[in-house]
């Protein structure tokens, strides 16, 4: 029983460290487009004060996969190569240029 508790605790710490590492490496780029939880499209823009802002569309995403990605569930494969986990948004992935569809935020 004690072994399970130590294993579960160790796994939780490793998971938190990995998620924090990915979140820390994210740099918002105005030339790139992103996707939130395989649903909403996101982009980085500059505000009037020249501050960088990250914003996403607000489509309804009722499926179960969205909820799992929103919680950064590691059992759901990332839809693209460059993905990050954020407590606020969930799974944010950079959309490769060859997968971009024409859309505006």
C-alpha atoms as a PDB file:
ATOM      1  CA  UNK A   1       0.000   0.000   0.000  1.00  0.00           C
ATOM      2  CA  UNK A   2       2.829   2.406   0.865  1.00  0.00           C
ATOM      3  CA  UNK A   3       4.534   1.644  -2.462  1.00  0.00           C
ATOM      4  CA  UNK A   4       1.408   2.691  -4.388  1.00  0.00           C
ATOM      5  CA  UNK A   5       1.195   5.960  -2.463  1.00  0.00           C
ATOM      6  CA  UNK A   6       4.861   6.788  -3.136  1.00  0.00           C
ATOM      7  CA  UNK A   7       4.505   5.834  -6.813  1.00  0.00           C
ATOM      8  CA  UNK A   8       1.342   7.934  -7.207  1.00  0.00           C
ATOM      9  CA  UNK A   9       2.940  10.896  -5.439  1.00  0.00           C
ATOM     10  CA  UNK A  10       6.107  10.622  -7.603  1.00  0.00           C
ATOM     11  CA  UNK A  11       4.023  10.443 -10.789  1.00  0.00           C
ATOM     12  CA  UNK A  12       2.075  13.537  -9.763  1.00  0.00           C
ATOM     13  CA  UNK A  13       5.280  15.497  -9.116  1.00  0.00           C
ATOM     14  CA  UNK A  14       6.826  14.441 -12.442  1.00  0.00           C
ATOM     15  CA  UNK A  15       3.595  15.348 -14.275  1.00  0.00           C
ATOM     16  CA  UNK A  16       3.514  18.790 -12.653  1.00  0.00           C
ATOM     17  CA  UNK A  17       7.155  19.409 -13.536  1.00  0.00           C
ATOM     18  CA  UNK A  18       6.608  18.391 -17.160  1.00  0.00           C
ATOM     19  CA  UNK A  19       3.520  20.582 -17.506  1.00  0.00           C
ATOM     20  CA  UNK A  20       5.295  23.553 -15.952  1.00  0.00           C
ATOM     21  CA  UNK A  21       8.278  23.041 -18.259  1.00  0.00           C
ATOM     22  CA  UNK A  22       6.051  23.083 -21.344  1.00  0.00           C
ATOM     23  CA  UNK A  23       4.145  26.143 -20.136  1.00  0.00           C
ATOM     24  CA  UNK A  24       7.373  28.018 -19.423  1.00  0.00           C
ATOM     25  CA  UNK A  25       8.714  27.367 -22.940  1.00  0.00           C
ATOM     26  CA  UNK A  26       5.693  28.899 -24.694  1.00  0.00           C
ATOM     27  CA  UNK A  27       6.424  32.186 -26.450  1.00  0.00           C
ATOM     28  CA  UNK A  28       3.504  33.941 -28.062  1.00  0.00           C
ATOM     29  CA  UNK A  29       4.360  34.826 -31.680  1.00  0.00           C
ATOM     30  CA  UNK A  30       2.171  37.155 -33.760  1.00  0.00           C
ATOM     31  CA  UNK A  31       3.222  35.297 -36.933  1.00  0.00           C
ATOM     32  CA  UNK A  32       1.856  31.964 -35.686  1.00  0.00           C
ATOM     33  CA  UNK A  33      -1.651  30.610 -35.085  1.00  0.00           C
ATOM     34  CA  UNK A  34      -2.684  28.316 -32.281  1.00  0.00           C
ATOM     35  CA  UNK A  35      -5.526  25.963 -31.434  1.00  0.00           C
ATOM     36  CA  UNK A  36      -7.092  25.548 -28.005  1.00  0.00           C
ATOM     37  CA  UNK A  37      -8.167  22.011 -27.061  1.00  0.00           C
ATOM     38  CA  UNK A  38      -8.719  20.998 -30.740  1.00  0.00           C
ATOM     39  CA  UNK A  39     -11.543  23.530 -30.939  1.00  0.00           C
ATOM     40  CA  UNK A  40     -10.980  27.284 -30.715  1.00  0.00           C
ATOM     41  CA  UNK A  41      -8.466  29.148 -32.855  1.00  0.00           C
ATOM     42  CA  UNK A  42      -6.042  31.500 -31.113  1.00  0.00           C
ATOM     43  CA  UNK A  43      -3.547  34.190 -32.011  1.00  0.00           C
ATOM     44  CA  UNK A  44      -1.192  36.667 -30.431  1.00  0.00           C
ATOM     45  CA  UNK A  45      -1.867  40.307 -31.144  1.00  0.00           C
ATOM     46  CA  UNK A  46      -0.445  43.590 -29.977  1.00  0.00           C
ATOM     47  CA  UNK A  47      -2.721  45.932 -28.093  1.00  0.00           C
ATOM     48  CA  UNK A  48      -2.814  49.707 -28.305  1.00  0.00           C
ATOM     49  CA  UNK A  49      -0.084  49.920 -25.682  1.00  0.00           C
ATOM     50  CA  UNK A  50       2.081  47.523 -27.723  1.00  0.00           C
ATOM     51  CA  UNK A  51       1.534  44.740 -25.180  1.00  0.00           C
ATOM     52  CA  UNK A  52       1.280  41.191 -26.503  1.00  0.00           C
ATOM     53  CA  UNK A  53      -2.135  39.597 -25.955  1.00  0.00           C
ATOM     54  CA  UNK A  54      -3.242  35.991 -26.444  1.00  0.00           C
ATOM     55  CA  UNK A  55      -6.862  35.572 -27.531  1.00  0.00           C
ATOM     56  CA  UNK A  56      -9.046  32.736 -28.810  1.00  0.00           C
ATOM     57  CA  UNK A  57     -12.384  32.324 -30.535  1.00  0.00           C
ATOM     58  CA  UNK A  58     -15.224  31.218 -28.251  1.00  0.00           C
ATOM     59  CA  UNK A  59     -16.927  28.347 -30.071  1.00  0.00           C
ATOM     60  CA  UNK A  60     -18.980  25.804 -28.151  1.00  0.00           C
ATOM     61  CA  UNK A  61     -17.059  22.568 -27.866  1.00  0.00           C
ATOM     62  CA  UNK A  62     -19.371  20.030 -26.219  1.00  0.00           C
ATOM     63  CA  UNK A  63     -17.452  16.803 -26.852  1.00  0.00           C
ATOM     64  CA  UNK A  64     -15.647  14.766 -24.190  1.00  0.00           C
ATOM     65  CA  UNK A  65     -12.277  15.123 -25.876  1.00  0.00           C
ATOM     66  CA  UNK A  66     -12.426  18.911 -25.386  1.00  0.00           C
ATOM     67  CA  UNK A  67     -12.961  18.444 -21.645  1.00  0.00           C
ATOM     68  CA  UNK A  68     -10.014  16.065 -21.411  1.00  0.00           C
ATOM     69  CA  UNK A  69      -7.745  18.408 -23.365  1.00  0.00           C
ATOM     70  CA  UNK A  70      -8.977  21.299 -21.199  1.00  0.00           C
ATOM     71  CA  UNK A  71      -7.634  19.366 -18.212  1.00  0.00           C
ATOM     72  CA  UNK A  72      -4.393  18.480 -20.069  1.00  0.00           C
ATOM     73  CA  UNK A  73      -5.206  14.770 -19.841  1.00  0.00           C
ATOM     74  CA  UNK A  74      -2.044  12.907 -20.916  1.00  0.00           C
ATOM     75  CA  UNK A  75      -4.088  10.001 -22.317  1.00  0.00           C
ATOM     76  CA  UNK A  76      -5.304  12.200 -25.211  1.00  0.00           C
ATOM     77  CA  UNK A  77      -2.604  12.526 -27.889  1.00  0.00           C
ATOM     78  CA  UNK A  78      -1.627  16.074 -28.775  1.00  0.00           C
ATOM     79  CA  UNK A  79      -3.110  17.105 -32.118  1.00  0.00           C
ATOM     80  CA  UNK A  80       0.062  18.855 -33.301  1.00  0.00           C
ATOM     81  CA  UNK A  81       3.793  18.678 -32.612  1.00  0.00           C
ATOM     82  CA  UNK A  82       4.176  21.848 -30.510  1.00  0.00           C
ATOM     83  CA  UNK A  83       1.685  21.823 -27.634  1.00  0.00           C
ATOM     84  CA  UNK A  84       1.688  23.350 -24.170  1.00  0.00           C
ATOM     85  CA  UNK A  85      -0.492  22.876 -21.122  1.00  0.00           C
ATOM     86  CA  UNK A  86      -1.903  25.879 -19.285  1.00  0.00           C
ATOM     87  CA  UNK A  87      -4.112  25.792 -16.234  1.00  0.00           C
ATOM     88  CA  UNK A  88      -6.154  28.710 -17.617  1.00  0.00           C
ATOM     89  CA  UNK A  89      -6.760  27.418 -21.180  1.00  0.00           C
ATOM     90  CA  UNK A  90      -5.873  23.745 -21.264  1.00  0.00           C
ATOM     91  CA  UNK A  91      -3.936  22.350 -24.227  1.00  0.00           C
ATOM     92  CA  UNK A  92      -2.687  25.018 -26.647  1.00  0.00           C
ATOM     93  CA  UNK A  93      -1.017  23.831 -29.857  1.00  0.00           C
ATOM     94  CA  UNK A  94       0.767  25.712 -32.593  1.00  0.00           C
ATOM     95  CA  UNK A  95      -0.877  25.058 -35.959  1.00  0.00           C
ATOM     96  CA  UNK A  96       1.750  24.194 -38.587  1.00  0.00           C
ATOM     97  CA  UNK A  97       1.703  26.542 -41.570  1.00  0.00           C
ATOM     98  CA  UNK A  98       0.730  23.729 -43.935  1.00  0.00           C
ATOM     99  CA  UNK A  99      -2.397  23.033 -41.784  1.00  0.00           C
ATOM    100  CA  UNK A 100      -3.589  26.618 -41.542  1.00  0.00           C
ATOM    101  CA  UNK A 101      -7.051  27.352 -42.826  1.00  0.00           C
ATOM    102  CA  UNK A 102      -7.965  30.920 -43.631  1.00  0.00           C
ATOM    103  CA  UNK A 103      -9.584  32.461 -40.612  1.00  0.00           C
ATOM    104  CA  UNK A 104      -9.424  35.743 -38.745  1.00  0.00           C
ATOM    105  CA  UNK A 105      -9.773  36.416 -35.069  1.00  0.00           C
END
